[in-house]
Amino acid sequence: MTSAAASHEVSDARSDDAWPEFTQSMCEELNGKRCLALAAATAPAKLAAVCRCIDDACARLVAASSAGAKEEKPLKPNDLLLSLQRAPRVCFTTEAGIAKLQKCTAVYGRTPSLLLLEMYDDRAFVLDLNPGLLGNSEQAAAVEAFLRGVAEGSVAKALQGAAPPDDDRLEPTHGITLSHGLCAVTSTFRRLKRKEAGGAVCVFWSSRCAVCPAVLMMMDHLVGVVWKASEACGVARPFSYLACNIDDNDLPAEDWPETPHQQTVPTTAAYDGNGERFVYTGKRSAAPIVRFICAHCLPRDLPTAARITSDALAIAEKLTDEELWEIGLPPAANKDVEKKSPPHGGGNAHEASVESSRGARRKRPLGCSETLPDDELPQRAAEQLETQKRRVEKEHEEVMGP
């Protein structure tokens, strides 16, 4: 949060009333201390009841921790609980206040909620609150379990991500505009991958990868091929096409598994109607990709699935790899690209994408407050892609001969 003059308006849990509403003057204190925040657009009377419920839960935990300390039990998990007694408290109940909280924490779409904020470490722990249970004993038990779990290390910090765009629209990036793609961010990914009956196909990409824009455009075209075939059979958009920037969004392990090695981007994954994930590992050619999409993203009980697959493959098989990768380049770049037939039916496209991500990819996405060095920014993405393609072609010619 933006620093401001220190204020003593922040509640320290001694009041029976609702916690104070956030003001800009509280920023310095909230940035420098562990604090509790309540994000809930609710009536004042209800808000006061919720605040008392949380305060009572904290008091019980503090009392238990103090008793444990006197008995010389391990103090490590108690330190946090003991700090709750004097931890600043604040409410975010207005639209502007909640928007400010979401922007500062990079945690979106979780209202109403209780947050334990540690802004000095750029992290928050979040408990989603049930609007129908606000202030009752069941909610109090959930608050106790949540705070105890944070203290014991069994509650993970909240996933951070980019702000969800209006209508899930993907803004033009690197000189390209997608016709069919939706922008998936941390707070919308779960909803979007199950938006349609057939699930979704998603490209996980990075702004540091020069090949990613071309792959996004290529997939956009092939998704359009399948959609055209499905519409001819009376089925409109049986699945979604998603693009997720892994630099800007934390994702759960089920969507972006943590590995001991660095991840490869771009990565294409399909989610069926049940949410099961399948990663594409084949060649980046039209027919294999279309076959992969149809196998996983057409509803299993769709009577016309076989016909849609057949019609889409008939179109895809007529696309050469050269045509496919020209589709993947921004229009302005296409005018200046020297037309060359790729060796081995376009294998260079796959090799270029893997090579471009090697060394640029990172084990985890950047934090929301970090910026990339100038030399890592993806300048002139289309030109870099063509350079990669030509280099691989040259290497192939040197090995294989004329």
Protein backbone atom coordinates (compact mmCIF):
# COMPACT_ATOMS: atom_id res chain seq x y z
CA MET A 1 0.00 0.00 0.00
CA THR A 2 1.14 3.54 -0.62
CA SER A 3 2.96 4.93 2.36
CA ALA A 4 1.41 7.81 4.23
CA ALA A 5 1.75 9.51 7.58
CA ALA A 6 1.34 7.15 10.50
CA SER A 7 -2.13 7.07 12.01
CA HIS A 8 -3.55 5.81 15.27
CA GLU A 9 -7.02 5.32 13.80
CA VAL A 10 -6.50 1.60 13.27
CA SER A 11 -8.35 -0.54 15.80
CA ASP A 12 -6.37 -2.68 18.23
CA ALA A 13 -9.31 -4.99 19.05
CA ARG A 14 -10.28 -3.26 22.31
CA SER A 15 -13.47 -1.70 20.87
CA ASP A 16 -16.83 -3.44 20.83
CA ASP A 17 -17.77 -1.63 17.64
CA ALA A 18 -16.89 -2.46 14.06
CA TRP A 19 -13.29 -1.99 13.07
CA PRO A 20 -12.53 1.38 11.44
CA GLU A 21 -12.98 1.84 7.71
CA PHE A 22 -9.78 2.06 5.68
CA THR A 23 -8.42 5.52 4.92
CA GLN A 24 -5.26 6.50 3.08
CA SER A 25 -3.71 7.77 6.32
CA MET A 26 -3.54 4.18 7.63
CA CYS A 27 -1.19 2.96 4.91
CA GLU A 28 2.11 3.29 6.74
CA GLU A 29 0.90 1.34 9.76
CA LEU A 30 -0.73 -1.36 7.65
CA ASN A 31 2.38 -1.68 5.50
CA GLY A 32 4.69 -2.07 8.49
CA LYS A 33 2.76 -4.39 10.79
CA ARG A 34 0.97 -7.72 10.70
CA CYS A 35 -2.72 -6.81 10.67
CA LEU A 36 -6.23 -8.19 10.26
CA ALA A 37 -8.49 -6.91 7.51
CA LEU A 38 -12.14 -7.60 6.84
CA ALA A 39 -13.34 -7.21 3.26
CA ALA A 40 -17.12 -7.25 3.23
CA ALA A 41 -19.75 -4.98 1.73
CA THR A 42 -22.33 -5.44 4.47
CA ALA A 43 -24.59 -3.42 6.75
CA PRO A 44 -22.95 -1.66 9.73
CA ALA A 45 -24.80 -3.74 12.34
CA LYS A 46 -23.80 -6.97 10.63
CA LEU A 47 -20.26 -5.69 10.22
CA ALA A 48 -19.93 -5.02 13.95
CA ALA A 49 -21.13 -8.54 14.73
CA VAL A 50 -18.56 -10.04 12.36
CA CYS A 51 -15.76 -7.95 13.88
CA ARG A 52 -16.74 -9.04 17.40
CA CYS A 53 -16.84 -12.65 16.23
CA ILE A 54 -13.27 -12.38 14.89
CA ASP A 55 -12.05 -10.53 17.99
CA ASP A 56 -13.53 -13.21 20.25
CA ALA A 57 -11.85 -15.95 18.21
CA CYS A 58 -8.53 -14.11 18.48
CA ALA A 59 -8.97 -13.69 22.23
CA ARG A 60 -9.51 -17.42 22.69
CA LEU A 61 -6.43 -18.23 20.61
CA VAL A 62 -4.29 -15.69 22.46
CA ALA A 63 -5.44 -17.05 25.82
CA ALA A 64 -4.59 -20.59 24.76
CA SER A 65 -1.20 -19.49 23.42
CA SER A 66 -0.41 -17.56 26.60
CA ALA A 67 -1.24 -20.62 28.68
CA GLY A 68 1.02 -22.72 26.48
CA ALA A 69 3.84 -20.21 26.88
CA LYS A 70 3.57 -20.33 30.69
CA GLU A 71 3.84 -24.11 30.55
CA GLU A 72 7.05 -23.70 28.48
CA LYS A 73 5.59 -25.39 25.42
CA PRO A 74 7.21 -24.70 22.03
CA LEU A 75 6.68 -21.02 21.28
CA LYS A 76 7.27 -20.93 17.55
CA PRO A 77 3.62 -21.30 16.48
CA ASN A 78 2.49 -19.10 19.39
CA ASP A 79 4.39 -15.98 18.34
CA LEU A 80 1.91 -15.13 15.62
CA LEU A 81 -1.11 -15.92 17.77
CA LEU A 82 0.18 -13.76 20.62
CA SER A 83 0.69 -10.88 18.19
CA LEU A 84 -3.00 -10.92 17.27
CA GLN A 85 -3.91 -9.23 20.55
CA ARG A 86 -2.38 -5.94 19.40
CA ALA A 87 -2.54 -6.45 15.65
CA PRO A 88 -4.11 -3.49 13.82
CA ARG A 89 -7.61 -4.13 12.45
CA VAL A 90 -9.31 -2.45 9.53
CA CYS A 91 -12.41 -2.87 7.37
CA PHE A 92 -12.79 -2.51 3.62
CA THR A 93 -16.51 -2.18 2.92
CA THR A 94 -16.80 0.31 0.07
CA GLU A 95 -16.31 -0.48 -3.59
CA ALA A 96 -13.28 1.83 -3.72
CA GLY A 97 -11.81 0.38 -0.54
CA ILE A 98 -12.17 -3.23 -1.68
CA ALA A 99 -10.65 -2.31 -5.05
CA LYS A 100 -7.69 -0.72 -3.24
CA LEU A 101 -7.21 -3.81 -1.07
CA GLN A 102 -7.30 -6.13 -4.08
CA LYS A 103 -4.80 -4.03 -6.00
CA CYS A 104 -2.37 -3.80 -3.06
CA THR A 105 -2.50 -7.50 -2.22
CA ALA A 106 -2.93 -8.78 -5.82
CA VAL A 107 -5.65 -11.07 -4.45
CA TYR A 108 -8.87 -10.67 -6.41
CA GLY A 109 -12.40 -12.01 -6.22
CA ARG A 110 -12.40 -13.12 -2.59
CA THR A 111 -15.09 -11.04 -0.89
CA PRO A 112 -16.33 -11.35 1.82
CA SER A 113 -13.15 -12.51 3.47
CA LEU A 114 -10.87 -12.19 6.46
CA LEU A 115 -7.26 -11.41 5.61
CA LEU A 116 -4.17 -11.67 7.77
CA LEU A 117 -1.91 -9.18 6.01
CA GLU A 118 1.88 -9.15 6.10
CA MET A 119 2.46 -6.41 3.55
CA TYR A 120 6.13 -6.08 4.54
CA ASP A 121 6.60 -9.57 3.06
CA ASP A 122 4.15 -8.95 0.19
CA ARG A 123 1.82 -11.71 1.27
CA ALA A 124 -1.63 -12.32 2.67
CA PHE A 125 -3.49 -15.27 4.14
CA VAL A 126 -7.17 -15.29 3.22
CA LEU A 127 -10.23 -16.99 4.69
CA ASP A 128 -13.32 -16.82 2.49
CA LEU A 129 -16.38 -16.03 4.60
CA ASN A 130 -19.84 -17.43 3.96
CA PRO A 131 -22.25 -14.46 3.70
CA GLY A 132 -24.98 -16.54 5.30
CA LEU A 133 -22.85 -17.41 8.32
CA LEU A 134 -21.28 -14.04 9.08
CA GLY A 135 -20.93 -13.60 12.82
CA ASN A 136 -22.32 -16.96 13.98
CA SER A 137 -20.60 -19.71 15.96
CA GLU A 138 -19.82 -21.81 12.90
CA GLN A 139 -18.00 -18.88 11.32
CA ALA A 140 -16.16 -18.23 14.60
CA ALA A 141 -14.87 -21.80 14.60
CA ALA A 142 -13.70 -21.38 11.01
CA VAL A 143 -11.86 -18.18 11.95
CA GLU A 144 -10.11 -19.93 14.85
CA ALA A 145 -9.07 -22.85 12.66
CA PHE A 146 -7.81 -20.47 9.97
CA LEU A 147 -5.66 -18.35 12.30
CA ARG A 148 -4.31 -21.42 14.07
CA GLY A 149 -3.44 -22.93 10.69
CA VAL A 150 -1.57 -19.80 9.63
CA ALA A 151 0.41 -19.88 12.88
CA GLU A 152 1.27 -23.56 12.44
CA GLY A 153 2.19 -23.13 8.78
CA SER A 154 -0.57 -25.37 7.44
CA VAL A 155 -2.37 -22.56 5.61
CA ALA A 156 -0.67 -21.41 2.43
CA LYS A 157 -0.40 -17.76 1.51
CA ALA A 158 -3.02 -16.55 -0.95
CA LEU A 159 -2.25 -16.91 -4.63
CA GLN A 160 -1.53 -13.56 -6.25
CA GLY A 161 -2.49 -12.60 -9.75
CA ALA A 162 -3.34 -9.91 -12.24
CA ALA A 163 -6.59 -7.97 -12.12
CA PRO A 164 -9.33 -9.76 -14.07
CA PRO A 165 -10.07 -7.84 -17.28
CA ASP A 166 -13.56 -6.77 -18.29
CA ASP A 167 -15.46 -9.61 -19.97
CA ASP A 168 -12.30 -11.76 -19.68
CA ARG A 169 -11.00 -9.91 -22.71
CA LEU A 170 -7.37 -10.48 -23.69
CA GLU A 171 -5.78 -7.16 -24.50
CA PRO A 172 -3.64 -7.05 -27.66
CA THR A 173 -0.10 -8.08 -26.81
CA HIS A 174 3.16 -8.06 -28.76
CA GLY A 175 1.37 -6.77 -31.87
CA ILE A 176 -1.21 -9.58 -31.99
CA THR A 177 -4.93 -9.71 -31.34
CA LEU A 178 -6.73 -12.99 -30.67
CA SER A 179 -10.17 -13.56 -32.16
CA HIS A 180 -11.19 -16.41 -29.87
CA GLY A 181 -8.96 -16.29 -26.79
CA LEU A 182 -9.97 -15.28 -23.28
CA CYS A 183 -7.57 -13.90 -20.67
CA ALA A 184 -7.34 -16.29 -17.72
CA VAL A 185 -5.90 -14.90 -14.47
CA THR A 186 -5.52 -16.39 -11.01
CA SER A 187 -8.98 -15.37 -9.82
CA THR A 188 -10.83 -16.45 -12.99
CA PHE A 189 -8.94 -19.54 -14.11
CA ARG A 190 -11.11 -22.08 -12.30
CA ARG A 191 -14.30 -20.54 -13.65
CA LEU A 192 -13.10 -20.19 -17.22
CA LYS A 193 -11.72 -23.69 -17.62
CA ARG A 194 -15.21 -25.02 -16.85
CA LYS A 195 -17.19 -22.27 -18.54
CA GLU A 196 -18.22 -24.51 -21.45
CA ALA A 197 -19.43 -28.11 -21.39
CA GLY A 198 -16.32 -29.39 -23.17
CA GLY A 199 -13.82 -27.63 -20.94
CA ALA A 200 -11.00 -25.52 -22.36
CA VAL A 201 -7.68 -25.50 -24.15
CA CYS A 202 -5.13 -23.16 -22.57
CA VAL A 203 -1.77 -21.77 -23.63
CA PHE A 204 0.44 -20.90 -20.65
CA TRP A 205 2.76 -18.21 -21.95
CA SER A 206 5.35 -15.70 -20.79
CA SER A 207 5.99 -12.13 -21.84
CA ARG A 208 9.70 -13.07 -21.87
CA CYS A 209 9.25 -15.70 -24.58
CA ALA A 210 9.65 -14.48 -28.16
CA VAL A 211 7.83 -17.49 -29.62
CA CYS A 212 4.75 -17.29 -27.39
CA PRO A 213 2.89 -14.65 -29.44
CA ALA A 214 3.12 -16.79 -32.57
CA VAL A 215 1.92 -19.88 -30.70
CA LEU A 216 -1.00 -17.92 -29.25
CA MET A 217 -2.02 -16.83 -32.76
CA MET A 218 -1.54 -20.32 -34.19
CA MET A 219 -3.76 -21.82 -31.50
CA ASP A 220 -6.31 -19.08 -32.04
CA HIS A 221 -6.57 -20.06 -35.69
CA LEU A 222 -6.85 -23.79 -34.97
CA VAL A 223 -9.50 -23.22 -32.30
CA GLY A 224 -11.39 -21.27 -34.94
CA VAL A 225 -11.13 -24.27 -37.28
CA VAL A 226 -12.72 -26.56 -34.67
CA TRP A 227 -15.38 -24.00 -33.78
CA LYS A 228 -16.29 -23.57 -37.44
CA ALA A 229 -16.74 -27.33 -37.80
CA SER A 230 -18.80 -27.51 -34.61
CA GLU A 231 -21.04 -24.62 -35.64
CA ALA A 232 -21.74 -26.39 -38.93
CA CYS A 233 -23.05 -29.25 -36.79
CA GLY A 234 -25.25 -26.94 -34.74
CA VAL A 235 -22.93 -26.70 -31.72
CA ALA A 236 -21.70 -23.22 -30.81
CA ARG A 237 -18.35 -22.99 -29.01
CA PRO A 238 -18.28 -26.30 -27.14
CA PHE A 239 -15.09 -25.30 -25.27
CA SER A 240 -13.10 -22.17 -24.38
CA TYR A 241 -9.68 -21.01 -25.53
CA LEU A 242 -7.65 -19.49 -22.69
CA ALA A 243 -4.35 -17.64 -22.53
CA CYS A 244 -2.65 -17.37 -19.13
CA ASN A 245 0.49 -15.31 -18.54
CA ILE A 246 2.51 -17.21 -15.94
CA ASP A 247 4.63 -14.11 -15.21
CA ASP A 248 1.61 -12.31 -13.77
CA ASN A 249 -0.35 -15.10 -12.11
CA ASP A 250 0.21 -17.68 -9.39
CA LEU A 251 -1.69 -20.89 -10.12
CA PRO A 252 -2.51 -23.95 -8.02
CA ALA A 253 -0.39 -27.05 -8.57
CA GLU A 254 -3.23 -28.76 -10.44
CA ASP A 255 -2.93 -26.13 -13.19
CA TRP A 256 0.77 -25.27 -13.09
CA PRO A 257 2.57 -28.09 -11.26
CA GLU A 258 5.70 -27.22 -9.33
CA THR A 259 8.69 -29.22 -10.50
CA PRO A 260 12.35 -29.41 -9.45
CA HIS A 261 13.20 -28.14 -12.92
CA GLN A 262 12.29 -24.97 -14.74
CA GLN A 263 9.03 -24.94 -16.68
CA THR A 264 8.80 -24.70 -20.45
CA VAL A 265 6.71 -22.03 -22.12
CA PRO A 266 4.65 -21.98 -24.15
CA THR A 267 2.82 -24.99 -22.71
CA THR A 268 -0.50 -26.10 -24.17
CA ALA A 269 -2.92 -27.97 -21.93
CA ALA A 270 -6.48 -29.17 -22.41
CA TYR A 271 -9.12 -29.49 -19.70
CA ASP A 272 -12.03 -31.81 -20.32
CA GLY A 273 -15.53 -31.23 -18.98
CA ASN A 274 -14.54 -32.76 -15.65
CA GLY A 275 -11.53 -30.48 -15.25
CA GLU A 276 -8.92 -33.19 -15.90
CA ARG A 277 -5.72 -31.75 -17.37
CA PHE A 278 -3.86 -33.07 -20.43
CA VAL A 279 -0.61 -31.54 -21.70
CA TYR A 280 0.17 -31.49 -25.41
CA THR A 281 3.66 -32.80 -26.13
CA GLY A 282 3.44 -33.45 -29.86
CA LYS A 283 4.61 -31.56 -32.90
CA ARG A 284 3.26 -28.07 -33.47
CA SER A 285 1.43 -28.91 -36.66
CA ALA A 286 -2.20 -28.27 -37.49
CA ALA A 287 -3.64 -31.79 -37.67
CA PRO A 288 -2.07 -33.21 -34.46
CA ILE A 289 -3.14 -30.17 -32.47
CA VAL A 290 -6.70 -30.24 -33.83
CA ARG A 291 -6.89 -33.96 -33.05
CA PHE A 292 -5.68 -33.25 -29.48
CA ILE A 293 -8.25 -30.48 -28.97
CA CYS A 294 -11.13 -32.57 -30.29
CA ALA A 295 -10.14 -35.59 -28.21
CA HIS A 296 -10.22 -33.68 -24.92
CA CYS A 297 -12.40 -30.59 -25.38
CA LEU A 298 -15.50 -31.85 -27.17
CA PRO A 299 -18.19 -32.97 -24.71
CA ARG A 300 -18.04 -36.73 -24.32
CA ASP A 301 -21.77 -37.12 -24.81
CA LEU A 302 -21.87 -34.92 -27.92
CA PRO A 303 -23.52 -36.98 -30.72
CA THR A 304 -21.76 -35.02 -33.46
CA ALA A 305 -18.27 -35.18 -31.92
CA ALA A 306 -16.95 -37.63 -34.52
CA ARG A 307 -18.23 -35.52 -37.40
CA ILE A 308 -16.83 -32.31 -35.91
CA THR A 309 -13.44 -33.98 -35.50
CA SER A 310 -13.50 -35.30 -39.07
CA ASP A 311 -14.50 -31.95 -40.59
CA ALA A 312 -11.95 -30.01 -38.54
CA LEU A 313 -9.16 -32.42 -39.46
CA ALA A 314 -10.06 -32.14 -43.13
CA ILE A 315 -9.42 -28.40 -42.92
CA ALA A 316 -6.32 -28.72 -40.74
CA GLU A 317 -4.67 -31.29 -42.99
CA LYS A 318 -4.73 -28.81 -45.87
CA LEU A 319 -2.69 -26.31 -43.87
CA THR A 320 1.03 -26.53 -44.46
CA ASP A 321 3.39 -25.80 -41.60
CA GLU A 322 4.57 -22.71 -43.46
CA GLU A 323 1.01 -21.39 -43.68
CA LEU A 324 0.38 -22.26 -40.06
CA TRP A 325 3.37 -20.31 -38.79
CA GLU A 326 2.63 -17.35 -41.04
CA ILE A 327 -0.76 -17.26 -39.34
CA GLY A 328 1.10 -17.11 -36.06
CA LEU A 329 3.00 -13.96 -37.00
CA PRO A 330 1.59 -10.44 -36.66
CA PRO A 331 0.26 -9.11 -40.01
CA ALA A 332 2.93 -6.41 -40.24
CA ALA A 333 5.68 -9.00 -39.92
CA ASN A 334 4.19 -11.27 -42.57
CA LYS A 335 4.88 -8.70 -45.28
CA ASP A 336 8.62 -8.80 -44.67
CA VAL A 337 9.11 -12.46 -43.85
CA GLU A 338 11.06 -14.37 -46.46
CA LYS A 339 9.01 -17.42 -47.45
CA LYS A 340 10.96 -20.61 -46.77
CA SER A 341 9.73 -24.17 -46.57
CA PRO A 342 10.58 -25.49 -43.11
CA PRO A 343 12.62 -28.71 -43.03
CA HIS A 344 11.00 -31.89 -41.75
CA GLY A 345 7.53 -30.40 -42.11
CA GLY A 346 8.04 -27.52 -39.70
CA GLY A 347 9.93 -29.16 -36.87
CA ASN A 348 11.85 -25.92 -36.48
CA ALA A 349 8.81 -24.22 -35.00
CA HIS A 350 8.85 -26.59 -32.04
CA GLU A 351 12.60 -26.33 -31.60
CA ALA A 352 12.50 -22.54 -31.72
CA SER A 353 9.88 -22.35 -29.04
CA VAL A 354 11.79 -24.62 -26.68
CA GLU A 355 15.05 -22.82 -27.32
CA SER A 356 13.52 -19.40 -26.77
CA SER A 357 12.11 -20.36 -23.40
CA ARG A 358 15.32 -21.97 -22.23
CA GLY A 359 17.16 -19.50 -20.01
CA ALA A 360 14.25 -17.05 -20.03
CA ARG A 361 11.76 -19.14 -18.10
CA ARG A 362 11.83 -19.06 -14.31
CA LYS A 363 10.83 -21.56 -11.70
CA ARG A 364 8.12 -19.24 -10.39
CA PRO A 365 6.35 -16.22 -11.83
CA LEU A 366 7.65 -12.83 -10.86
CA GLY A 367 6.13 -11.20 -7.81
CA CYS A 368 3.60 -8.50 -8.53
CA SER A 369 5.99 -5.76 -7.41
CA GLU A 370 8.95 -6.98 -9.48
CA THR A 371 9.92 -5.71 -12.92
CA LEU A 372 11.94 -7.35 -15.63
CA PRO A 373 15.35 -6.03 -16.61
CA ASP A 374 15.35 -4.23 -19.94
CA ASP A 375 17.34 -6.98 -21.60
CA GLU A 376 14.63 -9.54 -20.77
CA LEU A 377 11.78 -7.62 -22.36
CA PRO A 378 10.46 -9.34 -25.51
CA GLN A 379 11.38 -6.69 -28.08
CA ARG A 380 10.27 -7.23 -31.66
CA ALA A 381 8.76 -10.65 -30.95
CA ALA A 382 7.97 -11.46 -34.59
CA GLU A 383 11.52 -10.66 -35.74
CA GLN A 384 12.99 -12.79 -32.93
CA LEU A 385 10.78 -15.69 -33.92
CA GLU A 386 11.85 -15.48 -37.57
CA THR A 387 15.51 -15.28 -36.52
CA GLN A 388 15.07 -18.46 -34.47
CA LYS A 389 13.45 -20.21 -37.43
CA ARG A 390 16.19 -19.21 -39.86
CA ARG A 391 18.94 -20.23 -37.41
CA VAL A 392 17.46 -23.69 -36.97
CA GLU A 393 17.05 -24.02 -40.75
CA LYS A 394 20.72 -23.13 -41.23
CA GLU A 395 21.80 -25.66 -38.60
CA HIS A 396 19.69 -28.30 -40.30
CA GLU A 397 21.24 -27.54 -43.71
CA GLU A 398 24.75 -27.78 -42.24
CA VAL A 399 24.00 -31.18 -40.75
CA MET A 400 21.97 -32.64 -43.58
CA GLY A 401 23.72 -31.01 -46.52
CA PRO A 402 21.99 -29.69 -49.67
